[in-house]
Amino acid sequence: MSLHPDFPTSPYAPLIPEQRWFPADEALRSTAYEKLLPPLVAKVRQEIFAWRAKGYAGVSGRRKRGQATLFRALQGRP
């Protein structure tokens, strides 16, 4: 099993779908990705990344403020 060479070291860094965990050696990523991961996994990873990039479209302002507060607390920031 392999992690992408650019996999973030911070647990709070956003995960880019192409850098996510892969169940084989990194050299096989370009040729065996579709065979080793169910198609739904790749699709969900891409859609969540796009949703986060759009600022969590469809989420209420109150929920966004609550999430921001939670993320800051988890990171040890006020």
PDB file of N, CA and C in Angstrom:
ATOM      1  N   MET A   1       0.843  -1.165   0.000  1.00  0.00           N
ATOM      2  CA  MET A   1       0.000   0.000   0.000  1.00  0.00           C
ATOM      3  C   MET A   1       0.892   1.233   0.000  1.00  0.00           C
ATOM      4  N   SER A   2       0.348   2.261  -0.602  1.00  0.00           N
ATOM      5  CA  SER A   2       1.211   3.403  -0.815  1.00  0.00           C
ATOM      6  C   SER A   2       0.480   4.720  -0.602  1.00  0.00           C
ATOM      7  N   LEU A   3       1.250   5.706  -0.177  1.00  0.00           N
ATOM      8  CA  LEU A   3       0.752   7.075  -0.116  1.00  0.00           C
ATOM      9  C   LEU A   3       1.436   7.871  -1.207  1.00  0.00           C
ATOM     10  N   HIS A   4       0.699   8.801  -1.765  1.00  0.00           N
ATOM     11  CA  HIS A   4       1.239   9.677  -2.806  1.00  0.00           C
ATOM     12  C   HIS A   4       2.424  10.445  -2.218  1.00  0.00           C
ATOM     13  N   PRO A   5       3.465  10.708  -3.012  1.00  0.00           N
ATOM     14  CA  PRO A   5       4.625  11.442  -2.490  1.00  0.00           C
ATOM     15  C   PRO A   5       4.270  12.827  -1.944  1.00  0.00           C
ATOM     16  N   ASP A   6       3.202  13.444  -2.452  1.00  0.00           N
ATOM     17  CA  ASP A   6       2.790  14.774  -1.991  1.00  0.00           C
ATOM     18  C   ASP A   6       1.664  14.716  -0.962  1.00  0.00           C
ATOM     19  N   PHE A   7       1.425  13.555  -0.377  1.00  0.00           N
ATOM     20  CA  PHE A   7       0.361  13.411   0.621  1.00  0.00           C
ATOM     21  C   PHE A   7       0.653  14.367   1.775  1.00  0.00           C
ATOM     22  N   PRO A   8      -0.340  15.158   2.207  1.00  0.00           N
ATOM     23  CA  PRO A   8      -0.090  16.152   3.258  1.00  0.00           C
ATOM     24  C   PRO A   8       0.272  15.499   4.595  1.00  0.00           C
ATOM     25  N   THR A   9       1.139  16.147   5.328  1.00  0.00           N
ATOM     26  CA  THR A   9       1.519  15.632   6.641  1.00  0.00           C
ATOM     27  C   THR A   9       0.566  16.112   7.730  1.00  0.00           C
ATOM     28  N   SER A  10      -0.133  17.215   7.481  1.00  0.00           N
ATOM     29  CA  SER A  10      -1.092  17.735   8.454  1.00  0.00           C
ATOM     30  C   SER A  10      -2.433  17.015   8.318  1.00  0.00           C
ATOM     31  N   PRO A  11      -3.018  16.585   9.428  1.00  0.00           N
ATOM     32  CA  PRO A  11      -4.333  15.948   9.344  1.00  0.00           C
ATOM     33  C   PRO A  11      -5.440  16.929   8.967  1.00  0.00           C
ATOM     34  N   TYR A  12      -5.142  18.226   8.964  1.00  0.00           N
ATOM     35  CA  TYR A  12      -6.140  19.239   8.654  1.00  0.00           C
ATOM     36  C   TYR A  12      -6.026  19.766   7.222  1.00  0.00           C
ATOM     37  N   ALA A  13      -5.016  19.349   6.512  1.00  0.00           N
ATOM     38  CA  ALA A  13      -4.835  19.808   5.130  1.00  0.00           C
ATOM     39  C   ALA A  13      -5.896  19.167   4.239  1.00  0.00           C
ATOM     40  N   PRO A  14      -6.403  19.915   3.263  1.00  0.00           N
ATOM     41  CA  PRO A  14      -7.388  19.309   2.346  1.00  0.00           C
ATOM     42  C   PRO A  14      -6.733  18.199   1.525  1.00  0.00           C
ATOM     43  N   LEU A  15      -7.475  17.135   1.320  1.00  0.00           N
ATOM     44  CA  LEU A  15      -6.947  16.003   0.554  1.00  0.00           C
ATOM     45  C   LEU A  15      -7.408  16.096  -0.891  1.00  0.00           C
ATOM     46  N   ILE A  16      -6.461  16.190  -1.782  1.00  0.00           N
ATOM     47  CA  ILE A  16      -6.748  16.224  -3.210  1.00  0.00           C
ATOM     48  C   ILE A  16      -7.001  14.789  -3.656  1.00  0.00           C
ATOM     49  N   PRO A  17      -8.079  14.529  -4.421  1.00  0.00           N
ATOM     50  CA  PRO A  17      -8.416  13.147  -4.782  1.00  0.00           C
ATOM     51  C   PRO A  17      -7.252  12.362  -5.391  1.00  0.00           C
ATOM     52  N   GLU A  18      -6.424  12.999  -6.184  1.00  0.00           N
ATOM     53  CA  GLU A  18      -5.311  12.302  -6.835  1.00  0.00           C
ATOM     54  C   GLU A  18      -4.201  11.946  -5.849  1.00  0.00           C
ATOM     55  N   GLN A  19      -4.247  12.507  -4.636  1.00  0.00           N
ATOM     56  CA  GLN A  19      -3.212  12.240  -3.638  1.00  0.00           C
ATOM     57  C   GLN A  19      -3.703  11.322  -2.525  1.00  0.00           C
ATOM     58  N   ARG A  20      -4.899  10.823  -2.655  1.00  0.00           N
ATOM     59  CA  ARG A  20      -5.473   9.973  -1.612  1.00  0.00           C
ATOM     60  C   ARG A  20      -4.797   8.618  -1.564  1.00  0.00           C
ATOM     61  N   TRP A  21      -5.039   7.889  -0.482  1.00  0.00           N
ATOM     62  CA  TRP A  21      -4.510   6.557  -0.280  1.00  0.00           C
ATOM     63  C   TRP A  21      -4.885   5.656  -1.459  1.00  0.00           C
ATOM     64  N   PHE A  22      -3.989   4.757  -1.803  1.00  0.00           N
ATOM     65  CA  PHE A  22      -4.180   3.849  -2.926  1.00  0.00           C
ATOM     66  C   PHE A  22      -3.711   2.460  -2.488  1.00  0.00           C
ATOM     67  N   PRO A  23      -4.500   1.389  -2.730  1.00  0.00           N
ATOM     68  CA  PRO A  23      -4.169   0.066  -2.187  1.00  0.00           C
ATOM     69  C   PRO A  23      -3.105  -0.701  -2.972  1.00  0.00           C
ATOM     70  N   ALA A  24      -2.094  -0.039  -3.470  1.00  0.00           N
ATOM     71  CA  ALA A  24      -1.014  -0.717  -4.191  1.00  0.00           C
ATOM     72  C   ALA A  24       0.191   0.215  -4.231  1.00  0.00           C
ATOM     73  N   ASP A  25       1.246  -0.241  -4.838  1.00  0.00           N
ATOM     74  CA  ASP A  25       2.435   0.589  -4.991  1.00  0.00           C
ATOM     75  C   ASP A  25       2.100   1.814  -5.839  1.00  0.00           C
ATOM     76  N   GLU A  26       2.709   2.932  -5.512  1.00  0.00           N
ATOM     77  CA  GLU A  26       2.433   4.186  -6.214  1.00  0.00           C
ATOM     78  C   GLU A  26       2.698   4.070  -7.719  1.00  0.00           C
ATOM     79  N   ALA A  27       3.617   3.218  -8.115  1.00  0.00           N
ATOM     80  CA  ALA A  27       3.931   3.047  -9.538  1.00  0.00           C
ATOM     81  C   ALA A  27       2.737   2.501 -10.330  1.00  0.00           C
ATOM     82  N   LEU A  28       1.814   1.848  -9.650  1.00  0.00           N
ATOM     83  CA  LEU A  28       0.642   1.269 -10.331  1.00  0.00           C
ATOM     84  C   LEU A  28      -0.545   2.221 -10.405  1.00  0.00           C
ATOM     85  N   ARG A  29      -0.453   3.388  -9.792  1.00  0.00           N
ATOM     86  CA  ARG A  29      -1.593   4.302  -9.730  1.00  0.00           C
ATOM     87  C   ARG A  29      -2.135   4.628 -11.115  1.00  0.00           C
ATOM     88  N   SER A  30      -1.275   4.917 -12.066  1.00  0.00           N
ATOM     89  CA  SER A  30      -1.746   5.351 -13.388  1.00  0.00           C
ATOM     90  C   SER A  30      -2.362   4.209 -14.201  1.00  0.00           C
ATOM     91  N   THR A  31      -2.007   2.971 -13.899  1.00  0.00           N
ATOM     92  CA  THR A  31      -2.518   1.867 -14.710  1.00  0.00           C
ATOM     93  C   THR A  31      -3.563   1.006 -14.011  1.00  0.00           C
ATOM     94  N   ALA A  32      -3.578   0.993 -12.688  1.00  0.00           N
ATOM     95  CA  ALA A  32      -4.462   0.055 -11.989  1.00  0.00           C
ATOM     96  C   ALA A  32      -5.471   0.714 -11.065  1.00  0.00           C
ATOM     97  N   TYR A  33      -5.549   2.036 -11.044  1.00  0.00           N
ATOM     98  CA  TYR A  33      -6.429   2.737 -10.111  1.00  0.00           C
ATOM     99  C   TYR A  33      -7.874   2.259 -10.230  1.00  0.00           C
ATOM    100  N   GLU A  34      -8.394   2.211 -11.448  1.00  0.00           N
ATOM    101  CA  GLU A  34      -9.792   1.829 -11.657  1.00  0.00           C
ATOM    102  C   GLU A  34     -10.050   0.378 -11.286  1.00  0.00           C
ATOM    103  N   LYS A  35      -9.023  -0.467 -11.367  1.00  0.00           N
ATOM    104  CA  LYS A  35      -9.194  -1.885 -11.055  1.00  0.00           C
ATOM    105  C   LYS A  35      -9.145  -2.160  -9.553  1.00  0.00           C
ATOM    106  N   LEU A  36      -8.431  -1.313  -8.816  1.00  0.00           N
ATOM    107  CA  LEU A  36      -8.218  -1.587  -7.400  1.00  0.00           C
ATOM    108  C   LEU A  36      -9.147  -0.821  -6.460  1.00  0.00           C
ATOM    109  N   LEU A  37      -9.776   0.233  -6.949  1.00  0.00           N
ATOM    110  CA  LEU A  37     -10.733   0.979  -6.127  1.00  0.00           C
ATOM    111  C   LEU A  37     -12.103   0.926  -6.790  1.00  0.00           C
ATOM    112  N   PRO A  38     -13.156   0.704  -6.026  1.00  0.00           N
ATOM    113  CA  PRO A  38     -14.488   0.731  -6.618  1.00  0.00           C
ATOM    114  C   PRO A  38     -14.756   2.103  -7.254  1.00  0.00           C
ATOM    115  N   PRO A  39     -15.456   2.157  -8.373  1.00  0.00           N
ATOM    116  CA  PRO A  39     -15.712   3.434  -9.053  1.00  0.00           C
ATOM    117  C   PRO A  39     -16.391   4.459  -8.152  1.00  0.00           C
ATOM    118  N   LEU A  40     -17.239   4.004  -7.256  1.00  0.00           N
ATOM    119  CA  LEU A  40     -17.942   4.932  -6.371  1.00  0.00           C
ATOM    120  C   LEU A  40     -16.965   5.679  -5.459  1.00  0.00           C
ATOM    121  N   VAL A  41     -15.913   5.016  -5.009  1.00  0.00           N
ATOM    122  CA  VAL A  41     -14.938   5.648  -4.113  1.00  0.00           C
ATOM    123  C   VAL A  41     -14.295   6.851  -4.808  1.00  0.00           C
ATOM    124  N   ALA A  42     -13.819   6.660  -6.028  1.00  0.00           N
ATOM    125  CA  ALA A  42     -13.179   7.750  -6.768  1.00  0.00           C
ATOM    126  C   ALA A  42     -14.171   8.887  -7.025  1.00  0.00           C
ATOM    127  N   LYS A  43     -15.406   8.531  -7.370  1.00  0.00           N
ATOM    128  CA  LYS A  43     -16.418   9.550  -7.659  1.00  0.00           C
ATOM    129  C   LYS A  43     -16.751  10.364  -6.406  1.00  0.00           C
ATOM    130  N   VAL A  44     -16.927   9.703  -5.275  1.00  0.00           N
ATOM    131  CA  VAL A  44     -17.252  10.396  -4.027  1.00  0.00           C
ATOM    132  C   VAL A  44     -16.104  11.309  -3.623  1.00  0.00           C
ATOM    133  N   ARG A  45     -14.863  10.835  -3.749  1.00  0.00           N
ATOM    134  CA  ARG A  45     -13.699  11.663  -3.412  1.00  0.00           C
ATOM    135  C   ARG A  45     -13.666  12.935  -4.257  1.00  0.00           C
ATOM    136  N   GLN A  46     -13.925  12.806  -5.559  1.00  0.00           N
ATOM    137  CA  GLN A  46     -13.902  13.964  -6.451  1.00  0.00           C
ATOM    138  C   GLN A  46     -15.036  14.929  -6.135  1.00  0.00           C
ATOM    139  N   GLU A  47     -16.231  14.405  -5.885  1.00  0.00           N
ATOM    140  CA  GLU A  47     -17.376  15.265  -5.613  1.00  0.00           C
ATOM    141  C   GLU A  47     -17.235  15.996  -4.273  1.00  0.00           C
ATOM    142  N   ILE A  48     -16.715  15.335  -3.263  1.00  0.00           N
ATOM    143  CA  ILE A  48     -16.511  16.002  -1.977  1.00  0.00           C
ATOM    144  C   ILE A  48     -15.451  17.087  -2.109  1.00  0.00           C
ATOM    145  N   PHE A  49     -14.382  16.816  -2.836  1.00  0.00           N
ATOM    146  CA  PHE A  49     -13.346  17.826  -3.043  1.00  0.00           C
ATOM    147  C   PHE A  49     -13.933  19.049  -3.749  1.00  0.00           C
ATOM    148  N   ALA A  50     -14.742  18.833  -4.788  1.00  0.00           N
ATOM    149  CA  ALA A  50     -15.367  19.945  -5.516  1.00  0.00           C
ATOM    150  C   ALA A  50     -16.338  20.713  -4.621  1.00  0.00           C
ATOM    151  N   TRP A  51     -17.106  20.005  -3.805  1.00  0.00           N
ATOM    152  CA  TRP A  51     -18.065  20.638  -2.887  1.00  0.00           C
ATOM    153  C   TRP A  51     -17.341  21.517  -1.873  1.00  0.00           C
ATOM    154  N   ARG A  52     -16.242  21.025  -1.335  1.00  0.00           N
ATOM    155  CA  ARG A  52     -15.457  21.827  -0.386  1.00  0.00           C
ATOM    156  C   ARG A  52     -14.859  23.047  -1.079  1.00  0.00           C
ATOM    157  N   ALA A  53     -14.377  22.869  -2.311  1.00  0.00           N
ATOM    158  CA  ALA A  53     -13.778  23.982  -3.062  1.00  0.00           C
ATOM    159  C   ALA A  53     -14.805  25.079  -3.342  1.00  0.00           C
ATOM    160  N   LYS A  54     -16.086  24.699  -3.431  1.00  0.00           N
ATOM    161  CA  LYS A  54     -17.154  25.677  -3.672  1.00  0.00           C
ATOM    162  C   LYS A  54     -17.681  26.274  -2.369  1.00  0.00           C
ATOM    163  N   GLY A  55     -16.976  26.039  -1.277  1.00  0.00           N
ATOM    164  CA  GLY A  55     -17.397  26.613   0.004  1.00  0.00           C
ATOM    165  C   GLY A  55     -18.575  25.903   0.628  1.00  0.00           C
ATOM    166  N   TYR A  56     -18.680  24.595   0.427  1.00  0.00           N
ATOM    167  CA  TYR A  56     -19.766  23.795   0.997  1.00  0.00           C
ATOM    168  C   TYR A  56     -21.126  24.298   0.508  1.00  0.00           C
ATOM    169  N   ALA A  57     -21.281  24.409  -0.796  1.00  0.00           N
ATOM    170  CA  ALA A  57     -22.515  24.907  -1.413  1.00  0.00           C
ATOM    171  C   ALA A  57     -23.731  24.140  -0.872  1.00  0.00           C
ATOM    172  N   GLY A  58     -24.765  24.893  -0.511  1.00  0.00           N
ATOM    173  CA  GLY A  58     -26.007  24.296  -0.025  1.00  0.00           C
ATOM    174  C   GLY A  58     -26.086  24.185   1.488  1.00  0.00           C
ATOM    175  N   VAL A  59     -25.000  24.495   2.182  1.00  0.00           N
ATOM    176  CA  VAL A  59     -24.996  24.425   3.640  1.00  0.00           C
ATOM    177  C   VAL A  59     -25.387  25.793   4.187  1.00  0.00           C
ATOM    178  N   SER A  60     -26.209  25.803   5.223  1.00  0.00           N
ATOM    179  CA  SER A  60     -26.672  27.070   5.799  1.00  0.00           C
ATOM    180  C   SER A  60     -25.509  27.822   6.457  1.00  0.00           C
ATOM    181  N   GLY A  61     -25.671  29.133   6.590  1.00  0.00           N
ATOM    182  CA  GLY A  61     -24.663  29.965   7.235  1.00  0.00           C
ATOM    183  C   GLY A  61     -24.387  29.543   8.660  1.00  0.00           C
ATOM    184  N   ARG A  62     -25.452  29.170   9.361  1.00  0.00           N
ATOM    185  CA  ARG A  62     -25.295  28.742  10.758  1.00  0.00           C
ATOM    186  C   ARG A  62     -24.449  27.475  10.836  1.00  0.00           C
ATOM    187  N   ARG A  63     -24.706  26.542   9.949  1.00  0.00           N
ATOM    188  CA  ARG A  63     -23.941  25.280   9.935  1.00  0.00           C
ATOM    189  C   ARG A  63     -22.479  25.552   9.577  1.00  0.00           C
ATOM    190  N   LYS A  64     -22.243  26.459   8.616  1.00  0.00           N
ATOM    191  CA  LYS A  64     -20.869  26.791   8.233  1.00  0.00           C
ATOM    192  C   LYS A  64     -20.108  27.398   9.409  1.00  0.00           C
ATOM    193  N   ARG A  65     -20.757  28.282  10.165  1.00  0.00           N
ATOM    194  CA  ARG A  65     -20.100  28.884  11.328  1.00  0.00           C
ATOM    195  C   ARG A  65     -19.797  27.822  12.378  1.00  0.00           C
ATOM    196  N   GLY A  66     -20.717  26.893  12.567  1.00  0.00           N
ATOM    197  CA  GLY A  66     -20.493  25.806  13.527  1.00  0.00           C
ATOM    198  C   GLY A  66     -19.335  24.918  13.101  1.00  0.00           C
ATOM    199  N   GLN A  67     -19.277  24.598  11.821  1.00  0.00           N
ATOM    200  CA  GLN A  67     -18.171  23.784  11.314  1.00  0.00           C
ATOM    201  C   GLN A  67     -16.843  24.518  11.461  1.00  0.00           C
ATOM    202  N   ALA A  68     -16.830  25.820  11.164  1.00  0.00           N
ATOM    203  CA  ALA A  68     -15.601  26.608  11.286  1.00  0.00           C
ATOM    204  C   ALA A  68     -15.119  26.605  12.728  1.00  0.00           C
ATOM    205  N   THR A  69     -16.051  26.750  13.666  1.00  0.00           N
ATOM    206  CA  THR A  69     -15.697  26.733  15.080  1.00  0.00           C
ATOM    207  C   THR A  69     -15.123  25.369  15.470  1.00  0.00           C
ATOM    208  N   LEU A  70     -15.751  24.308  15.008  1.00  0.00           N
ATOM    209  CA  LEU A  70     -15.277  22.959  15.305  1.00  0.00           C
ATOM    210  C   LEU A  70     -13.885  22.726  14.714  1.00  0.00           C
ATOM    211  N   PHE A  71     -13.672  23.102  13.461  1.00  0.00           N
ATOM    212  CA  PHE A  71     -12.365  22.910  12.822  1.00  0.00           C
ATOM    213  C   PHE A  71     -11.276  23.662  13.575  1.00  0.00           C
ATOM    214  N   ARG A  72     -11.572  24.904  13.975  1.00  0.00           N
ATOM    215  CA  ARG A  72     -10.584  25.680  14.724  1.00  0.00           C
ATOM    216  C   ARG A  72     -10.261  25.004  16.059  1.00  0.00           C
ATOM    217  N   ALA A  73     -11.295  24.508  16.747  1.00  0.00           N
ATOM    218  CA  ALA A  73     -11.083  23.833  18.031  1.00  0.00           C
ATOM    219  C   ALA A  73     -10.244  22.581  17.856  1.00  0.00           C
ATOM    220  N   LEU A  74     -10.500  21.812  16.819  1.00  0.00           N
ATOM    221  CA  LEU A  74      -9.736  20.594  16.573  1.00  0.00           C
ATOM    222  C   LEU A  74      -8.280  20.892  16.253  1.00  0.00           C
ATOM    223  N   GLN A  75      -8.045  22.058  15.670  1.00  0.00           N
ATOM    224  CA  GLN A  75      -6.680  22.443  15.329  1.00  0.00           C
ATOM    225  C   GLN A  75      -5.991  23.181  16.471  1.00  0.00           C
ATOM    226  N   GLY A  76      -6.707  23.380  17.568  1.00  0.00           N
ATOM    227  CA  GLY A  76      -6.143  24.067  18.727  1.00  0.00           C
ATOM    228  C   GLY A  76      -6.052  25.559  18.572  1.00  0.00           C
ATOM    229  N   ARG A  77      -6.894  26.123  17.713  1.00  0.00           N
ATOM    230  CA  ARG A  77      -6.921  27.583  17.523  1.00  0.00           C
ATOM    231  C   ARG A  77      -8.185  28.149  18.148  1.00  0.00           C
ATOM    232  N   PRO A  78      -8.133  29.403  18.640  1.00  0.00           N
ATOM    233  CA  PRO A  78      -9.343  30.022  19.235  1.00  0.00           C
ATOM    234  C   PRO A  78     -10.386  30.371  18.190  1.00  0.00           C
TER     235      PRO A  78
END
